[in-house]
Amino acid sequence: MKKMNKLSKPIVSVIIPVFNGASYLEQAVYSVLNSSYKNIEVLLIDDGSKDHSKHLCKKLARKYKNVRFYSFAKNQGLGRVLNFALKKAQGKFICRINQDDLMLRHRIGIQLKFLKENPEVVAVGSYIRLFDNKGNEQIVKFLQLDETIKKVWHVVSPFADPSVMYRKAVALKVGGYKQEFWPADDTHLWIRMGMVGKLANIDKALVEVRYHKNAASVRYFKKLTLITYKMHQWMNVYVQRATLPVQIFWMFQLIAGLTLSPDMNWKIYRILKRMIYSFSVFAAFLRRMKIIPEPITKKAIPHPIVLSRSGQ
């Protein structure tokens, strides 16, 4: 394991795992360094890249004092890399972004302020601007409140991973990332964190997520489909019982993921997210107008069924 650069203790650690990411890596790092909030460190962890990513990481670490670089000679897997980064991170807050994405200048400041003002929230994401290399783009919205997030987390993920900032201590408390749930290891972590605290999203696009054929969410989509189904089964046992219609939805999702193209699956998934978001906003409006009653209870989920046995 090789390390470069030391710096004084920051408040926020930005973790960027790197694997054959030379095409967009510098853009991603520069977007972080351009942040209006400056008390940060950037951790670049190369996971056995075969392109010149390692060279770029070394160059960035030499050039910027708040960039630290670690590398593995052989590929370890994203979950193990992120757990390594968690142990090396000096900040109390972890900010995630991927090697091919971009963050807006005010992203870190907005999310840090939110977490400091809302100590019960353990992780906060945001809307994202999804774009591709052909000039297409769209804003993808995520539910903002813990109560609504947890009502549908059997169906859609709480966050877009590169938009999330979370409390390091809580991530470590629930056991960090689980490699056996890769590439859904991020969502698996959010669910476990959500069992000990609240989740939230900022209603602004704070991250620009690049959609391209070499993105992990596209290249490993069938693997993601299988592991997502495994994670849903885990949730059904350890977190919250799913209704029969939801379990039927999981089966359709599994079949679609294994038979349709990643592009088609992601298109359908984003349509589903828009429908859920729009319904949530409309229902909230009706409650404010007293057209429909408030829920009987504000508690979105029961106490974890057997969280102590949930793979931590």
C-alpha atoms as a PDB file:
ATOM      1  CA  MET A   1       0.000   0.000   0.000  1.00  0.00           C
ATOM      2  CA  LYS A   2       1.433   3.335  -1.073  1.00  0.00           C
ATOM      3  CA  LYS A   3       0.547   6.701   0.435  1.00  0.00           C
ATOM      4  CA  MET A   4       1.321  10.278  -0.579  1.00  0.00           C
ATOM      5  CA  ASN A   5       0.851  13.583   1.247  1.00  0.00           C
ATOM      6  CA  LYS A   6      -0.174  14.534   4.780  1.00  0.00           C
ATOM      7  CA  LEU A   7      -2.271  17.481   5.922  1.00  0.00           C
ATOM      8  CA  SER A   8      -3.917  18.940   8.986  1.00  0.00           C
ATOM      9  CA  LYS A   9      -7.183  17.383  10.089  1.00  0.00           C
ATOM     10  CA  PRO A  10     -10.109  18.413   7.843  1.00  0.00           C
ATOM     11  CA  ILE A  11     -13.846  18.466   8.626  1.00  0.00           C
ATOM     12  CA  VAL A  12     -14.956  16.733   5.425  1.00  0.00           C
ATOM     13  CA  SER A  13     -13.268  13.826   3.656  1.00  0.00           C
ATOM     14  CA  VAL A  14     -14.190  13.443  -0.014  1.00  0.00           C
ATOM     15  CA  ILE A  15     -13.712   9.822  -1.091  1.00  0.00           C
ATOM     16  CA  ILE A  16     -13.126   9.016  -4.764  1.00  0.00           C
ATOM     17  CA  PRO A  17     -12.470   5.344  -5.538  1.00  0.00           C
ATOM     18  CA  VAL A  18     -10.580   4.952  -8.809  1.00  0.00           C
ATOM     19  CA  PHE A  19     -10.575   2.064 -11.254  1.00  0.00           C
ATOM     20  CA  ASN A  20      -9.559   2.656 -14.876  1.00  0.00           C
ATOM     21  CA  GLY A  21     -10.966   6.161 -14.556  1.00  0.00           C
ATOM     22  CA  ALA A  22      -8.387   8.219 -16.445  1.00  0.00           C
ATOM     23  CA  SER A  23     -10.903   9.646 -18.924  1.00  0.00           C
ATOM     24  CA  TYR A  24     -12.758  11.842 -16.430  1.00  0.00           C
ATOM     25  CA  LEU A  25     -10.806  11.649 -13.166  1.00  0.00           C
ATOM     26  CA  GLU A  26      -9.109  15.028 -13.339  1.00  0.00           C
ATOM     27  CA  GLN A  27     -12.414  16.776 -14.045  1.00  0.00           C
ATOM     28  CA  ALA A  28     -13.969  15.097 -11.011  1.00  0.00           C
ATOM     29  CA  VAL A  29     -11.091  16.075  -8.701  1.00  0.00           C
ATOM     30  CA  TYR A  30     -11.004  19.661  -9.966  1.00  0.00           C
ATOM     31  CA  SER A  31     -14.727  20.020  -9.312  1.00  0.00           C
ATOM     32  CA  VAL A  32     -14.071  19.020  -5.683  1.00  0.00           C
ATOM     33  CA  LEU A  33     -11.073  21.329  -5.281  1.00  0.00           C
ATOM     34  CA  ASN A  34     -13.169  24.170  -6.700  1.00  0.00           C
ATOM     35  CA  SER A  35     -15.584  23.824  -3.779  1.00  0.00           C
ATOM     36  CA  SER A  36     -16.489  27.024  -1.947  1.00  0.00           C
ATOM     37  CA  TYR A  37     -15.987  25.120   1.319  1.00  0.00           C
ATOM     38  CA  LYS A  38     -12.260  24.572   1.782  1.00  0.00           C
ATOM     39  CA  ASN A  39     -11.723  22.562   4.978  1.00  0.00           C
ATOM     40  CA  ILE A  40     -11.626  19.284   3.100  1.00  0.00           C
ATOM     41  CA  GLU A  41      -9.357  16.455   2.085  1.00  0.00           C
ATOM     42  CA  VAL A  42      -9.647  14.365  -1.056  1.00  0.00           C
ATOM     43  CA  LEU A  43      -8.846  10.661  -0.823  1.00  0.00           C
ATOM     44  CA  LEU A  44      -8.005   8.969  -4.121  1.00  0.00           C
ATOM     45  CA  ILE A  45      -7.816   5.187  -3.815  1.00  0.00           C
ATOM     46  CA  ASP A  46      -6.745   3.371  -6.957  1.00  0.00           C
ATOM     47  CA  ASP A  47      -8.016  -0.200  -7.028  1.00  0.00           C
ATOM     48  CA  GLY A  48      -5.526  -1.869  -9.355  1.00  0.00           C
ATOM     49  CA  SER A  49      -6.199   0.222 -12.478  1.00  0.00           C
ATOM     50  CA  LYS A  50      -4.745  -0.928 -15.792  1.00  0.00           C
ATOM     51  CA  ASP A  51      -4.869   2.481 -17.501  1.00  0.00           C
ATOM     52  CA  HIS A  52      -2.895   5.563 -16.422  1.00  0.00           C
ATOM     53  CA  SER A  53      -5.243   6.444 -13.533  1.00  0.00           C
ATOM     54  CA  LYS A  54      -2.491   5.761 -11.000  1.00  0.00           C
ATOM     55  CA  HIS A  55      -0.199   8.261 -12.740  1.00  0.00           C
ATOM     56  CA  LEU A  56      -2.928  10.910 -12.657  1.00  0.00           C
ATOM     57  CA  CYS A  57      -3.590  10.265  -8.967  1.00  0.00           C
ATOM     58  CA  LYS A  58       0.108  10.671  -8.155  1.00  0.00           C
ATOM     59  CA  LYS A  59       0.251  13.903 -10.133  1.00  0.00           C
ATOM     60  CA  LEU A  60      -2.784  15.346  -8.336  1.00  0.00           C
ATOM     61  CA  ALA A  61      -1.438  14.315  -4.916  1.00  0.00           C
ATOM     62  CA  ARG A  62       1.890  16.022  -5.633  1.00  0.00           C
ATOM     63  CA  LYS A  63       0.178  19.161  -6.885  1.00  0.00           C
ATOM     64  CA  TYR A  64      -2.433  19.673  -4.149  1.00  0.00           C
ATOM     65  CA  LYS A  65      -1.644  19.420  -0.451  1.00  0.00           C
ATOM     66  CA  ASN A  66      -5.163  18.326   0.501  1.00  0.00           C
ATOM     67  CA  VAL A  67      -5.195  15.393  -1.940  1.00  0.00           C
ATOM     68  CA  ARG A  68      -4.014  12.055  -0.560  1.00  0.00           C
ATOM     69  CA  PHE A  69      -3.401   9.009  -2.708  1.00  0.00           C
ATOM     70  CA  TYR A  70      -3.430   5.308  -1.876  1.00  0.00           C
ATOM     71  CA  SER A  71      -3.216   2.409  -4.299  1.00  0.00           C
ATOM     72  CA  PHE A  72      -3.725  -1.346  -4.381  1.00  0.00           C
ATOM     73  CA  ALA A  73      -1.593  -3.420  -6.733  1.00  0.00           C
ATOM     74  CA  LYS A  74      -4.486  -5.837  -7.317  1.00  0.00           C
ATOM     75  CA  ASN A  75      -8.195  -5.106  -7.506  1.00  0.00           C
ATOM     76  CA  GLN A  76      -9.847  -5.440  -4.085  1.00  0.00           C
ATOM     77  CA  GLY A  77     -13.451  -4.559  -4.892  1.00  0.00           C
ATOM     78  CA  LEU A  78     -15.328  -1.329  -4.249  1.00  0.00           C
ATOM     79  CA  GLY A  79     -16.692  -2.252  -0.817  1.00  0.00           C
ATOM     80  CA  ARG A  80     -13.225  -3.071   0.531  1.00  0.00           C
ATOM     81  CA  VAL A  81     -11.774   0.081  -1.025  1.00  0.00           C
ATOM     82  CA  LEU A  82     -14.441   2.281   0.555  1.00  0.00           C
ATOM     83  CA  ASN A  83     -13.943   0.648   3.960  1.00  0.00           C
ATOM     84  CA  PHE A  84     -10.202   1.291   3.643  1.00  0.00           C
ATOM     85  CA  ALA A  85     -10.959   4.921   2.802  1.00  0.00           C
ATOM     86  CA  LEU A  86     -13.284   5.219   5.809  1.00  0.00           C
ATOM     87  CA  LYS A  87     -10.466   4.135   8.101  1.00  0.00           C
ATOM     88  CA  LYS A  88      -8.016   6.580   6.519  1.00  0.00           C
ATOM     89  CA  ALA A  89     -10.442   9.521   6.387  1.00  0.00           C
ATOM     90  CA  GLN A  90      -9.704  12.244   8.915  1.00  0.00           C
ATOM     91  CA  GLY A  91     -12.985  14.148   8.575  1.00  0.00           C
ATOM     92  CA  LYS A  92     -16.077  13.612  10.705  1.00  0.00           C
ATOM     93  CA  PHE A  93     -18.170  13.797   7.555  1.00  0.00           C
ATOM     94  CA  ILE A  94     -17.714  11.661   4.444  1.00  0.00           C
ATOM     95  CA  CYS A  95     -18.595  13.103   1.055  1.00  0.00           C
ATOM     96  CA  ARG A  96     -18.919  10.665  -1.852  1.00  0.00           C
ATOM     97  CA  ILE A  97     -18.398  11.282  -5.520  1.00  0.00           C
ATOM     98  CA  ASN A  98     -17.360   8.983  -8.335  1.00  0.00           C
ATOM     99  CA  GLN A  99     -14.409   9.263 -10.702  1.00  0.00           C
ATOM    100  CA  ASP A 100     -16.593  10.305 -13.638  1.00  0.00           C
ATOM    101  CA  ASP A 101     -18.952  12.774 -11.902  1.00  0.00           C
ATOM    102  CA  LEU A 102     -18.824  16.451 -10.976  1.00  0.00           C
ATOM    103  CA  MET A 103     -19.933  18.379  -7.906  1.00  0.00           C
ATOM    104  CA  LEU A 104     -21.173  21.953  -7.765  1.00  0.00           C
ATOM    105  CA  ARG A 105     -19.105  24.507  -5.848  1.00  0.00           C
ATOM    106  CA  HIS A 106     -21.643  24.921  -3.038  1.00  0.00           C
ATOM    107  CA  ARG A 107     -22.477  21.212  -2.635  1.00  0.00           C
ATOM    108  CA  ILE A 108     -20.233  20.488   0.378  1.00  0.00           C
ATOM    109  CA  GLY A 109     -21.159  23.671   2.224  1.00  0.00           C
ATOM    110  CA  ILE A 110     -24.904  23.105   1.823  1.00  0.00           C
ATOM    111  CA  GLN A 111     -24.810  19.478   2.958  1.00  0.00           C
ATOM    112  CA  LEU A 112     -22.441  20.138   5.857  1.00  0.00           C
ATOM    113  CA  LYS A 113     -24.657  22.954   7.121  1.00  0.00           C
ATOM    114  CA  PHE A 114     -27.701  20.673   6.857  1.00  0.00           C
ATOM    115  CA  LEU A 115     -26.068  17.869   8.863  1.00  0.00           C
ATOM    116  CA  LYS A 116     -24.883  20.263  11.548  1.00  0.00           C
ATOM    117  CA  GLU A 117     -28.358  21.772  11.887  1.00  0.00           C
ATOM    118  CA  ASN A 118     -30.076  18.356  11.863  1.00  0.00           C
ATOM    119  CA  PRO A 119     -28.122  16.040  14.198  1.00  0.00           C
ATOM    120  CA  GLU A 120     -30.739  13.299  13.869  1.00  0.00           C
ATOM    121  CA  VAL A 121     -29.940  12.954  10.150  1.00  0.00           C
ATOM    122  CA  VAL A 122     -27.136  10.469   9.519  1.00  0.00           C
ATOM    123  CA  ALA A 123     -26.906  10.839   5.734  1.00  0.00           C
ATOM    124  CA  VAL A 124     -28.046  13.464   3.250  1.00  0.00           C
ATOM    125  CA  GLY A 125     -28.152  13.327  -0.533  1.00  0.00           C
ATOM    126  CA  SER A 126     -29.558  15.661  -3.157  1.00  0.00           C
ATOM    127  CA  TYR A 127     -31.171  15.883  -6.544  1.00  0.00           C
ATOM    128  CA  ILE A 128     -28.747  15.186  -9.381  1.00  0.00           C
ATOM    129  CA  ARG A 129     -28.278  16.460 -12.909  1.00  0.00           C
ATOM    130  CA  LEU A 130     -27.879  13.375 -15.069  1.00  0.00           C
ATOM    131  CA  PHE A 131     -26.035  14.041 -18.331  1.00  0.00           C
ATOM    132  CA  ASP A 132     -24.349  12.123 -21.127  1.00  0.00           C
ATOM    133  CA  ASN A 133     -21.669  12.857 -23.688  1.00  0.00           C
ATOM    134  CA  LYS A 134     -24.300  13.586 -26.363  1.00  0.00           C
ATOM    135  CA  GLY A 135     -25.606  16.655 -24.566  1.00  0.00           C
ATOM    136  CA  ASN A 136     -28.718  15.044 -23.083  1.00  0.00           C
ATOM    137  CA  GLU A 137     -29.523  15.939 -19.486  1.00  0.00           C
ATOM    138  CA  GLN A 138     -32.279  15.748 -16.904  1.00  0.00           C
ATOM    139  CA  ILE A 139     -32.803  16.550 -13.245  1.00  0.00           C
ATOM    140  CA  VAL A 140     -33.476  13.431 -11.180  1.00  0.00           C
ATOM    141  CA  LYS A 141     -35.350  14.204  -7.973  1.00  0.00           C
ATOM    142  CA  PHE A 142     -35.223  12.248  -4.718  1.00  0.00           C
ATOM    143  CA  LEU A 143     -37.640  12.293  -1.801  1.00  0.00           C
ATOM    144  CA  GLN A 144     -36.540  14.762   0.849  1.00  0.00           C
ATOM    145  CA  LEU A 145     -37.999  13.575   4.147  1.00  0.00           C
ATOM    146  CA  ASP A 146     -37.056  10.514   6.182  1.00  0.00           C
ATOM    147  CA  GLU A 147     -40.670   9.446   6.558  1.00  0.00           C
ATOM    148  CA  THR A 148     -41.352   9.375   2.818  1.00  0.00           C
ATOM    149  CA  ILE A 149     -37.951   7.894   1.936  1.00  0.00           C
ATOM    150  CA  LYS A 150     -38.534   4.912   4.212  1.00  0.00           C
ATOM    151  CA  LYS A 151     -42.056   4.321   2.947  1.00  0.00           C
ATOM    152  CA  VAL A 152     -40.675   3.439  -0.481  1.00  0.00           C
ATOM    153  CA  TRP A 153     -37.137   2.205   0.177  1.00  0.00           C
ATOM    154  CA  HIS A 154     -38.374  -1.305  -0.627  1.00  0.00           C
ATOM    155  CA  VAL A 155     -38.893  -0.013  -4.178  1.00  0.00           C
ATOM    156  CA  VAL A 156     -36.359   2.757  -4.892  1.00  0.00           C
ATOM    157  CA  SER A 157     -32.999   3.629  -3.366  1.00  0.00           C
ATOM    158  CA  PRO A 158     -32.941   6.576  -0.946  1.00  0.00           C
ATOM    159  CA  PHE A 159     -30.043   8.302  -2.731  1.00  0.00           C
ATOM    160  CA  ALA A 160     -27.835   8.697  -5.745  1.00  0.00           C
ATOM    161  CA  ASP A 161     -24.543   7.489  -4.290  1.00  0.00           C
ATOM    162  CA  PRO A 162     -22.329  10.342  -5.631  1.00  0.00           C
ATOM    163  CA  SER A 163     -24.633  12.902  -4.002  1.00  0.00           C
ATOM    164  CA  VAL A 164     -24.346  11.596  -0.446  1.00  0.00           C
ATOM    165  CA  MET A 165     -22.624  13.079   2.596  1.00  0.00           C
ATOM    166  CA  TYR A 166     -22.800  11.055   5.798  1.00  0.00           C
ATOM    167  CA  ARG A 167     -21.480  10.845   9.332  1.00  0.00           C
ATOM    168  CA  LYS A 168     -18.363   8.705   9.444  1.00  0.00           C
ATOM    169  CA  ALA A 169     -18.991   7.515  13.006  1.00  0.00           C
ATOM    170  CA  VAL A 170     -22.433   6.160  12.099  1.00  0.00           C
ATOM    171  CA  ALA A 171     -21.157   4.364   8.985  1.00  0.00           C
ATOM    172  CA  LEU A 172     -18.492   2.653  11.077  1.00  0.00           C
ATOM    173  CA  LYS A 173     -21.009   1.862  13.823  1.00  0.00           C
ATOM    174  CA  VAL A 174     -23.254  -0.106  11.450  1.00  0.00           C
ATOM    175  CA  GLY A 175     -20.328  -1.984   9.933  1.00  0.00           C
ATOM    176  CA  GLY A 176     -19.370   0.025   6.845  1.00  0.00           C
ATOM    177  CA  TYR A 177     -19.707  -1.315   3.327  1.00  0.00           C
ATOM    178  CA  LYS A 178     -20.287  -5.025   2.648  1.00  0.00           C
ATOM    179  CA  GLN A 179     -18.402  -6.321  -0.374  1.00  0.00           C
ATOM    180  CA  GLU A 180     -20.833  -9.214  -0.768  1.00  0.00           C
ATOM    181  CA  PHE A 181     -23.557  -6.686  -1.617  1.00  0.00           C
ATOM    182  CA  TRP A 182     -21.546  -4.968  -4.355  1.00  0.00           C
ATOM    183  CA  PRO A 183     -22.623  -3.205  -6.559  1.00  0.00           C
ATOM    184  CA  ALA A 184     -25.586  -2.411  -4.284  1.00  0.00           C
ATOM    185  CA  ASP A 185     -23.258  -2.039  -1.288  1.00  0.00           C
ATOM    186  CA  ASP A 186     -23.974   1.686  -1.134  1.00  0.00           C
ATOM    187  CA  THR A 187     -27.751   1.212  -0.830  1.00  0.00           C
ATOM    188  CA  HIS A 188     -27.195  -1.591   1.681  1.00  0.00           C
ATOM    189  CA  LEU A 189     -25.205   0.852   3.831  1.00  0.00           C
ATOM    190  CA  TRP A 190     -27.876   3.581   3.569  1.00  0.00           C
ATOM    191  CA  ILE A 191     -30.543   1.159   4.746  1.00  0.00           C
ATOM    192  CA  ARG A 192     -28.486   0.125   7.781  1.00  0.00           C
ATOM    193  CA  MET A 193     -27.676   3.741   8.588  1.00  0.00           C
ATOM    194  CA  GLY A 194     -31.345   4.577   8.198  1.00  0.00           C
ATOM    195  CA  MET A 195     -32.189   2.093  10.927  1.00  0.00           C
ATOM    196  CA  VAL A 196     -30.244   4.124  13.488  1.00  0.00           C
ATOM    197  CA  GLY A 197     -31.009   7.645  12.258  1.00  0.00           C
ATOM    198  CA  LYS A 198     -32.834   9.732   9.685  1.00  0.00           C
ATOM    199  CA  LEU A 199     -32.151  10.093   5.967  1.00  0.00           C
ATOM    200  CA  ALA A 200     -32.792  13.203   3.874  1.00  0.00           C
ATOM    201  CA  ASN A 201     -32.214  14.820   0.493  1.00  0.00           C
ATOM    202  CA  ILE A 202     -31.580  18.443  -0.445  1.00  0.00           C
ATOM    203  CA  ASP A 203     -34.117  19.659  -3.006  1.00  0.00           C
ATOM    204  CA  LYS A 204     -31.441  20.993  -5.350  1.00  0.00           C
ATOM    205  CA  ALA A 205     -29.153  19.331  -7.891  1.00  0.00           C
ATOM    206  CA  LEU A 206     -25.742  19.477  -6.198  1.00  0.00           C
ATOM    207  CA  VAL A 207     -23.991  16.833  -8.308  1.00  0.00           C
ATOM    208  CA  GLU A 208     -23.690  16.206 -12.037  1.00  0.00           C
ATOM    209  CA  VAL A 209     -23.707  12.473 -12.746  1.00  0.00           C
ATOM    210  CA  ARG A 210     -22.270  11.300 -16.051  1.00  0.00           C
ATOM    211  CA  TYR A 211     -24.130   8.472 -17.803  1.00  0.00           C
ATOM    212  CA  HIS A 212     -21.934   6.547 -20.233  1.00  0.00           C
ATOM    213  CA  LYS A 213     -21.393   2.992 -21.423  1.00  0.00           C
ATOM    214  CA  ASN A 214     -18.376   2.422 -19.174  1.00  0.00           C
ATOM    215  CA  ALA A 215     -20.102   3.637 -16.001  1.00  0.00           C
ATOM    216  CA  ALA A 216     -20.255   0.910 -13.356  1.00  0.00           C
ATOM    217  CA  SER A 217     -24.046   1.202 -13.211  1.00  0.00           C
ATOM    218  CA  VAL A 218     -24.154   0.218 -16.905  1.00  0.00           C
ATOM    219  CA  ARG A 219     -21.268  -2.249 -17.217  1.00  0.00           C
ATOM    220  CA  TYR A 220     -22.316  -4.308 -14.211  1.00  0.00           C
ATOM    221  CA  PHE A 221     -26.077  -3.877 -14.496  1.00  0.00           C
ATOM    222  CA  LYS A 222     -26.982  -7.585 -14.449  1.00  0.00           C
ATOM    223  CA  LYS A 223     -24.834  -8.073 -11.366  1.00  0.00           C
ATOM    224  CA  LEU A 224     -26.556  -5.044  -9.820  1.00  0.00           C
ATOM    225  CA  THR A 225     -29.939  -6.590 -10.635  1.00  0.00           C
ATOM    226  CA  LEU A 226     -29.107  -9.856  -8.875  1.00  0.00           C
ATOM    227  CA  ILE A 227     -27.597  -8.181  -5.822  1.00  0.00           C
ATOM    228  CA  THR A 228     -30.476  -5.717  -5.548  1.00  0.00           C
ATOM    229  CA  TYR A 229     -32.857  -8.668  -5.396  1.00  0.00           C
ATOM    230  CA  LYS A 230     -30.642 -10.250  -2.724  1.00  0.00           C
ATOM    231  CA  MET A 231     -30.669  -6.982  -0.773  1.00  0.00           C
ATOM    232  CA  HIS A 232     -34.461  -6.759  -0.944  1.00  0.00           C
ATOM    233  CA  GLN A 233     -34.713 -10.262   0.473  1.00  0.00           C
ATOM    234  CA  TRP A 234     -32.302  -9.233   3.229  1.00  0.00           C
ATOM    235  CA  MET A 235     -34.482  -6.186   3.988  1.00  0.00           C
ATOM    236  CA  ASN A 236     -37.566  -8.347   4.131  1.00  0.00           C
ATOM    237  CA  VAL A 237     -35.963 -10.499   6.839  1.00  0.00           C
ATOM    238  CA  TYR A 238     -33.907  -8.021   8.829  1.00  0.00           C
ATOM    239  CA  VAL A 239     -35.454  -4.591   8.351  1.00  0.00           C
ATOM    240  CA  GLN A 240     -39.098  -4.436   7.325  1.00  0.00           C
ATOM    241  CA  ARG A 241     -41.598  -6.934   5.959  1.00  0.00           C
ATOM    242  CA  ALA A 242     -42.613  -6.196   2.385  1.00  0.00           C
ATOM    243  CA  THR A 243     -46.179  -6.478   1.143  1.00  0.00           C
ATOM    244  CA  LEU A 244     -47.073  -9.072  -1.478  1.00  0.00           C
ATOM    245  CA  PRO A 245     -47.400  -6.448  -4.274  1.00  0.00           C
ATOM    246  CA  VAL A 246     -43.909  -5.175  -3.467  1.00  0.00           C
ATOM    247  CA  GLN A 247     -42.480  -8.700  -3.568  1.00  0.00           C
ATOM    248  CA  ILE A 248     -44.146  -9.227  -6.956  1.00  0.00           C
ATOM    249  CA  PHE A 249     -42.562  -5.965  -8.105  1.00  0.00           C
ATOM    250  CA  TRP A 250     -39.155  -7.336  -7.060  1.00  0.00           C
ATOM    251  CA  MET A 251     -39.692 -10.357  -9.311  1.00  0.00           C
ATOM    252  CA  PHE A 252     -40.637  -8.168 -12.296  1.00  0.00           C
ATOM    253  CA  GLN A 253     -37.622  -5.967 -11.562  1.00  0.00           C
ATOM    254  CA  LEU A 254     -35.371  -9.034 -11.510  1.00  0.00           C
ATOM    255  CA  ILE A 255     -36.753 -10.353 -14.810  1.00  0.00           C
ATOM    256  CA  ALA A 256     -36.482  -6.949 -16.501  1.00  0.00           C
ATOM    257  CA  GLY A 257     -32.939  -6.470 -15.231  1.00  0.00           C
ATOM    258  CA  LEU A 258     -31.814  -9.802 -16.663  1.00  0.00           C
ATOM    259  CA  THR A 259     -33.600  -9.521 -20.018  1.00  0.00           C
ATOM    260  CA  LEU A 260     -33.731  -5.834 -20.984  1.00  0.00           C
ATOM    261  CA  SER A 261     -30.813  -3.541 -21.740  1.00  0.00           C
ATOM    262  CA  PRO A 262     -29.292  -1.364 -18.990  1.00  0.00           C
ATOM    263  CA  ASP A 263     -30.461   1.752 -20.880  1.00  0.00           C
ATOM    264  CA  MET A 264     -34.055   0.520 -20.942  1.00  0.00           C
ATOM    265  CA  ASN A 265     -33.968  -0.541 -17.292  1.00  0.00           C
ATOM    266  CA  TRP A 266     -32.590   2.782 -16.132  1.00  0.00           C
ATOM    267  CA  LYS A 267     -35.180   4.633 -18.227  1.00  0.00           C
ATOM    268  CA  ILE A 268     -38.003   2.654 -16.614  1.00  0.00           C
ATOM    269  CA  TYR A 269     -36.482   3.125 -13.147  1.00  0.00           C
ATOM    270  CA  ARG A 270     -36.253   6.902 -13.579  1.00  0.00           C
ATOM    271  CA  ILE A 271     -39.867   7.035 -14.771  1.00  0.00           C
ATOM    272  CA  LEU A 272     -40.863   5.081 -11.658  1.00  0.00           C
ATOM    273  CA  LYS A 273     -38.912   7.510  -9.469  1.00  0.00           C
ATOM    274  CA  ARG A 274     -40.663  10.493 -11.077  1.00  0.00           C
ATOM    275  CA  MET A 275     -44.049   8.886 -10.476  1.00  0.00           C
ATOM    276  CA  ILE A 276     -43.249   8.193  -6.823  1.00  0.00           C
ATOM    277  CA  TYR A 277     -41.868  11.690  -6.322  1.00  0.00           C
ATOM    278  CA  SER A 278     -44.878  13.351  -7.972  1.00  0.00           C
ATOM    279  CA  PHE A 279     -47.317  11.249  -5.954  1.00  0.00           C
ATOM    280  CA  SER A 280     -45.493  12.137  -2.725  1.00  0.00           C
ATOM    281  CA  VAL A 281     -45.594  15.862  -3.510  1.00  0.00           C
ATOM    282  CA  PHE A 282     -49.283  15.687  -4.453  1.00  0.00           C
ATOM    283  CA  ALA A 283     -50.169  13.741  -1.284  1.00  0.00           C
ATOM    284  CA  ALA A 284     -48.292  16.280   0.861  1.00  0.00           C
ATOM    285  CA  PHE A 285     -50.241  19.099  -0.813  1.00  0.00           C
ATOM    286  CA  LEU A 286     -53.557  17.362  -0.107  1.00  0.00           C
ATOM    287  CA  ARG A 287     -52.587  16.929   3.548  1.00  0.00           C
ATOM    288  CA  ARG A 288     -51.665  20.602   3.869  1.00  0.00           C
ATOM    289  CA  MET A 289     -55.050  21.531   2.373  1.00  0.00           C
ATOM    290  CA  LYS A 290     -56.668  19.088   4.846  1.00  0.00           C
ATOM    291  CA  ILE A 291     -58.272  17.220   1.948  1.00  0.00           C
ATOM    292  CA  ILE A 292     -56.803  13.979   3.212  1.00  0.00           C
ATOM    293  CA  PRO A 293     -55.830  13.290   6.858  1.00  0.00           C
ATOM    294  CA  GLU A 294     -52.309  13.135   8.204  1.00  0.00           C
ATOM    295  CA  PRO A 295     -50.961   9.598   8.690  1.00  0.00           C
ATOM    296  CA  ILE A 296     -51.952   8.057  12.001  1.00  0.00           C
ATOM    297  CA  THR A 297     -48.315   7.670  12.924  1.00  0.00           C
ATOM    298  CA  LYS A 298     -45.231   9.580  11.871  1.00  0.00           C
ATOM    299  CA  LYS A 299     -43.045   6.513  12.305  1.00  0.00           C
ATOM    300  CA  ALA A 300     -42.175   5.264   8.844  1.00  0.00           C
ATOM    301  CA  ILE A 301     -40.816   1.841   9.746  1.00  0.00           C
ATOM    302  CA  PRO A 302     -40.907  -0.530  12.694  1.00  0.00           C
ATOM    303  CA  HIS A 303     -37.966  -1.230  14.931  1.00  0.00           C
ATOM    304  CA  PRO A 304     -35.432  -3.329  13.006  1.00  0.00           C
ATOM    305  CA  ILE A 305     -36.521  -6.949  13.104  1.00  0.00           C
ATOM    306  CA  VAL A 306     -33.131  -8.450  13.853  1.00  0.00           C
ATOM    307  CA  LEU A 307     -30.654  -5.698  13.022  1.00  0.00           C
ATOM    308  CA  SER A 308     -28.039  -7.211  15.313  1.00  0.00           C
ATOM    309  CA  ARG A 309     -27.911 -10.208  12.971  1.00  0.00           C
ATOM    310  CA  SER A 310     -27.964  -8.238   9.714  1.00  0.00           C
ATOM    311  CA  GLY A 311     -24.441  -8.928   8.606  1.00  0.00           C
ATOM    312  CA  GLN A 312     -22.735  -6.268  10.715  1.00  0.00           C
END
